[in-house]
């Protein structure tokens, strides 16, 4: 994995979760997912964002009680994949890192 991408993934994880190494709770995931969705889809209401997150929890957590850090990273990659298209493989790491950094800046509490 590209170190720039991993740095951004860890940054987002730290903003969204207390201790991702121990796992991400459903409550943390729902809050993080809702914040991210509202940044990416501004017309989405908070209730819609939370409902979407609760539905996707089952898929992303593989029906577990706690989500692993790797599963959370996969969730972030799935979202990034929707926005990062048509990039030459040589620049893919940079594109993902830049996109994740921008998401981090917009999601992180001020």
Protein backbone atom coordinates (compact mmCIF):
# COMPACT_ATOMS: atom_id res chain seq x y z
CA UNK A 1 0.00 0.00 0.00
CA UNK A 2 1.09 3.53 -0.74
CA UNK A 3 2.38 5.18 2.48
CA UNK A 4 0.63 8.45 1.59
CA UNK A 5 -2.70 6.66 1.33
CA UNK A 6 -2.14 4.78 4.59
CA UNK A 7 -1.30 8.05 6.38
CA UNK A 8 -4.59 9.60 5.21
CA UNK A 9 -6.59 6.48 6.09
CA UNK A 10 -5.13 6.48 9.61
CA UNK A 11 -5.89 10.20 9.94
CA UNK A 12 -9.54 9.68 9.01
CA UNK A 13 -9.73 6.70 11.33
CA UNK A 14 -8.38 8.76 14.25
CA UNK A 15 -10.94 11.50 13.64
CA UNK A 16 -13.81 9.03 13.47
CA UNK A 17 -12.89 6.41 16.07
CA UNK A 18 -11.57 6.37 19.63
CA UNK A 19 -9.30 3.34 19.30
CA UNK A 20 -9.52 1.74 15.87
CA UNK A 21 -6.91 -0.88 16.81
CA UNK A 22 -9.50 -2.35 19.22
CA UNK A 23 -12.26 -2.09 16.65
CA UNK A 24 -14.85 0.42 15.54
CA UNK A 25 -18.24 0.26 17.20
CA UNK A 26 -21.48 0.55 15.27
CA UNK A 27 -22.13 3.94 16.89
CA UNK A 28 -18.71 5.26 15.78
CA UNK A 29 -19.18 3.88 12.27
CA UNK A 30 -22.67 5.36 11.90
CA UNK A 31 -21.47 8.77 13.07
CA UNK A 32 -18.41 8.68 10.79
CA UNK A 33 -20.37 7.40 7.81
CA UNK A 34 -23.09 10.03 8.28
CA UNK A 35 -20.51 12.85 8.53
CA UNK A 36 -18.74 11.66 5.40
CA UNK A 37 -21.99 11.24 3.47
CA UNK A 38 -23.13 14.75 4.41
CA UNK A 39 -19.83 16.18 3.18
CA UNK A 40 -20.07 14.30 -0.11
CA UNK A 41 -23.84 14.70 -0.60
CA UNK A 42 -24.80 18.06 0.95
CA UNK A 43 -28.52 17.63 0.12
CA UNK A 44 -28.69 14.53 2.31
CA UNK A 45 -30.48 15.18 5.60
CA UNK A 46 -28.87 14.00 8.85
CA UNK A 47 -31.63 11.41 9.27
CA UNK A 48 -31.07 10.05 5.75
CA UNK A 49 -27.32 9.87 6.34
CA UNK A 50 -27.78 7.95 9.59
CA UNK A 51 -30.29 5.54 8.04
CA UNK A 52 -27.93 4.85 5.13
CA UNK A 53 -25.06 4.24 7.54
CA UNK A 54 -27.09 1.82 9.65
CA UNK A 55 -28.06 -0.17 6.56
CA UNK A 56 -24.46 -0.32 5.31
CA UNK A 57 -23.10 -1.31 8.75
CA UNK A 58 -24.28 -4.89 8.17
CA UNK A 59 -22.40 -5.10 4.86
CA UNK A 60 -19.24 -3.32 6.01
CA UNK A 61 -18.94 -5.03 9.40
CA UNK A 62 -19.69 -8.46 7.91
CA UNK A 63 -22.46 -8.84 10.51
CA UNK A 64 -20.05 -8.47 13.41
CA UNK A 65 -20.50 -6.40 16.56
CA UNK A 66 -17.30 -4.46 15.93
CA UNK A 67 -15.64 -3.44 12.69
CA UNK A 68 -11.91 -3.92 12.23
CA UNK A 69 -9.67 -1.09 11.10
CA UNK A 70 -9.16 -2.95 7.81
CA UNK A 71 -12.93 -3.11 7.26
CA UNK A 72 -13.16 0.64 7.95
CA UNK A 73 -10.37 1.28 5.43
CA UNK A 74 -12.26 -0.84 2.89
CA UNK A 75 -15.35 1.30 3.48
CA UNK A 76 -13.28 4.45 2.82
CA UNK A 77 -11.75 2.90 -0.32
CA UNK A 78 -15.19 1.97 -1.62
CA UNK A 79 -16.29 5.59 -1.32
CA UNK A 80 -13.05 6.91 -2.83
CA UNK A 81 -13.42 4.50 -5.76
CA UNK A 82 -16.64 6.28 -6.74
CA UNK A 83 -14.82 9.60 -7.07
CA UNK A 84 -11.39 8.60 -8.35
CA UNK A 85 -11.74 7.42 -11.92
CA UNK A 86 -9.70 7.56 -15.08
CA UNK A 87 -6.38 8.09 -13.29
CA UNK A 88 -3.16 6.66 -14.71
CA UNK A 89 -1.89 3.86 -12.43
CA UNK A 90 1.34 5.79 -11.91
CA UNK A 91 -0.57 8.58 -10.14
CA UNK A 92 -3.20 6.47 -8.38
CA UNK A 93 -1.55 6.60 -4.94
CA UNK A 94 -1.25 10.37 -5.14
CA UNK A 95 -4.87 10.70 -6.31
CA UNK A 96 -6.21 8.57 -3.44
CA UNK A 97 -4.05 10.34 -0.85
CA UNK A 98 -5.13 13.77 -2.11
CA UNK A 99 -8.80 12.84 -2.17
CA UNK A 100 -8.67 11.27 1.32
CA UNK A 101 -6.79 14.33 2.64
CA UNK A 102 -9.50 16.64 1.32
CA UNK A 103 -12.16 14.43 2.88
CA UNK A 104 -10.23 14.49 6.18
CA UNK A 105 -10.09 18.31 6.11
CA UNK A 106 -13.84 18.50 5.52
CA UNK A 107 -14.83 15.85 8.09
CA UNK A 108 -12.42 16.68 10.94
CA UNK A 109 -13.88 18.81 13.74
CA UNK A 110 -12.66 22.38 13.68
